[in-house]
Amino acid sequence: MRDYFEFLMKQLLSYSKNCNQTETVFEEIEEKQVKLEFRKILDKLVINIIEANFENETLIQALLELARIERIIIVLHFVCGICLSEIAYLLDSDLNSIYVQKCTAIKHLKNILG
């Protein structure tokens, strides 16, 4: 899955750099914007996973109250079983940062759920 998204990101970036400004709708696109859109897509996927796999409304609400990146990390790690190093690669982030955000998300969930 991550190879496919990496391929798409590279294609979009190369397309935007190689086309004339009048030919492309991507003339203002930057890698940062692509990463942001990718995270939005991942978040929508994660929300669908939450809604499909959980029946407890309190837990669903608690997960949806988390920040986008925290929600992505928690669901991909604990529900989908993806290791933190793969999540770090997928989000183009540092492994230590992902670990800290996971711990922060767990604390937020504990506070929300009581």
Protein backbone atom coordinates (compact mmCIF):
# COMPACT_ATOMS: atom_id res chain seq x y z
CA MET A 1 0.00 0.00 0.00
CA ARG A 2 2.71 2.49 0.93
CA ASP A 3 4.58 1.75 -2.32
CA TYR A 4 1.48 2.71 -4.27
CA PHE A 5 1.08 6.01 -2.41
CA GLU A 6 4.80 6.74 -2.70
CA PHE A 7 4.52 6.09 -6.44
CA LEU A 8 1.53 8.46 -6.70
CA MET A 9 3.33 11.17 -4.77
CA LYS A 10 6.37 10.92 -7.01
CA GLN A 11 4.21 10.97 -10.12
CA LEU A 12 2.33 14.06 -9.00
CA LEU A 13 5.50 15.88 -8.07
CA SER A 14 7.31 14.98 -11.28
CA TYR A 15 4.25 15.89 -13.34
CA SER A 16 4.01 19.28 -11.69
CA LYS A 17 7.71 20.00 -12.27
CA ASN A 18 7.84 18.80 -15.89
CA CYS A 19 4.73 20.48 -17.29
CA ASN A 20 4.39 24.03 -18.51
CA GLN A 21 2.54 26.28 -16.12
CA THR A 22 -0.40 26.58 -18.50
CA GLU A 23 -0.73 22.81 -18.94
CA THR A 24 -0.94 21.73 -15.33
CA VAL A 25 -3.37 22.23 -12.50
CA PHE A 26 -0.55 21.33 -10.13
CA GLU A 27 1.57 24.39 -10.72
CA GLU A 28 1.46 25.48 -7.07
CA ILE A 29 1.67 22.01 -5.54
CA GLU A 30 4.46 21.27 -3.12
CA GLU A 31 5.55 18.06 -1.47
CA LYS A 32 4.25 19.39 1.84
CA GLN A 33 0.76 19.76 0.37
CA VAL A 34 0.87 16.23 -1.04
CA LYS A 35 1.81 14.85 2.37
CA LEU A 36 -1.03 16.79 4.00
CA GLU A 37 -3.54 15.43 1.49
CA PHE A 38 -2.15 11.92 1.98
CA ARG A 39 -2.69 12.25 5.74
CA LYS A 40 -6.25 13.42 5.14
CA ILE A 41 -6.87 10.33 2.98
CA LEU A 42 -5.35 8.09 5.67
CA ASP A 43 -7.56 9.76 8.27
CA LYS A 44 -10.69 9.06 6.23
CA LEU A 45 -9.59 5.44 5.89
CA VAL A 46 -8.97 5.23 9.64
CA ILE A 47 -12.41 6.70 10.41
CA ASN A 48 -13.99 4.06 8.17
CA ILE A 49 -12.02 1.35 10.01
CA ILE A 50 -13.19 2.72 13.38
CA GLU A 51 -16.84 2.79 12.31
CA ALA A 52 -16.66 -0.68 10.79
CA ASN A 53 -14.88 -2.42 13.67
CA PHE A 54 -16.28 -0.87 16.83
CA GLU A 55 -19.81 -0.95 18.20
CA ASN A 56 -19.17 0.92 21.46
CA GLU A 57 -20.25 4.51 20.75
CA THR A 58 -18.18 5.86 23.65
CA LEU A 59 -15.00 4.34 22.24
CA ILE A 60 -15.82 5.53 18.73
CA GLN A 61 -16.39 9.07 20.01
CA ALA A 62 -13.15 8.97 22.03
CA LEU A 63 -11.14 7.88 18.99
CA LEU A 64 -12.75 10.55 16.84
CA GLU A 65 -11.85 13.23 19.41
CA LEU A 66 -8.13 12.50 19.01
CA ALA A 67 -6.00 14.67 16.75
CA ARG A 68 -5.75 13.35 13.17
CA ILE A 69 -2.19 12.07 13.48
CA GLU A 70 -2.88 10.45 16.86
CA ARG A 71 -5.99 8.72 15.50
CA ILE A 72 -4.04 7.42 12.49
CA ILE A 73 -1.24 6.05 14.68
CA ILE A 74 -3.55 4.39 17.22
CA VAL A 75 -5.78 2.69 14.64
CA LEU A 76 -3.00 1.60 12.31
CA HIS A 77 -0.93 0.25 15.21
CA PHE A 78 -3.51 -1.34 17.50
CA VAL A 79 -6.35 -2.23 15.11
CA CYS A 80 -4.47 -2.99 11.89
CA GLY A 81 -1.31 -4.33 13.57
CA ILE A 82 1.14 -2.16 11.64
CA CYS A 83 4.42 -1.63 13.48
CA LEU A 84 5.50 1.87 14.45
CA SER A 85 8.47 1.91 12.07
CA GLU A 86 6.14 1.24 9.13
CA ILE A 87 3.75 3.95 10.32
CA ALA A 88 6.71 6.34 10.57
CA TYR A 89 7.66 5.48 7.00
CA LEU A 90 4.07 5.84 5.81
CA LEU A 91 3.72 9.26 7.46
CA ASP A 92 7.24 10.31 6.46
CA SER A 93 8.07 10.99 10.08
CA ASP A 94 10.70 10.08 12.66
CA LEU A 95 10.14 6.85 14.61
CA ASN A 96 10.69 8.61 17.95
CA SER A 97 8.09 11.20 17.03
CA ILE A 98 5.57 8.48 16.19
CA TYR A 99 6.30 6.74 19.51
CA VAL A 100 5.77 9.96 21.47
CA GLN A 101 2.55 10.72 19.60
CA LYS A 102 1.32 7.18 20.30
CA CYS A 103 1.97 7.63 24.03
CA THR A 104 0.26 11.03 23.98
CA ALA A 105 -2.74 9.55 22.19
CA ILE A 106 -3.03 6.79 24.79
CA LYS A 107 -3.00 9.41 27.57
CA HIS A 108 -5.69 11.39 25.76
CA LEU A 109 -7.82 8.25 25.39
CA LYS A 110 -7.44 7.46 29.09
CA ASN A 111 -8.54 11.00 29.99
CA ILE A 112 -11.51 10.89 27.62
CA LEU A 113 -12.66 7.44 28.68
CA GLY A 114 -12.03 8.07 32.37
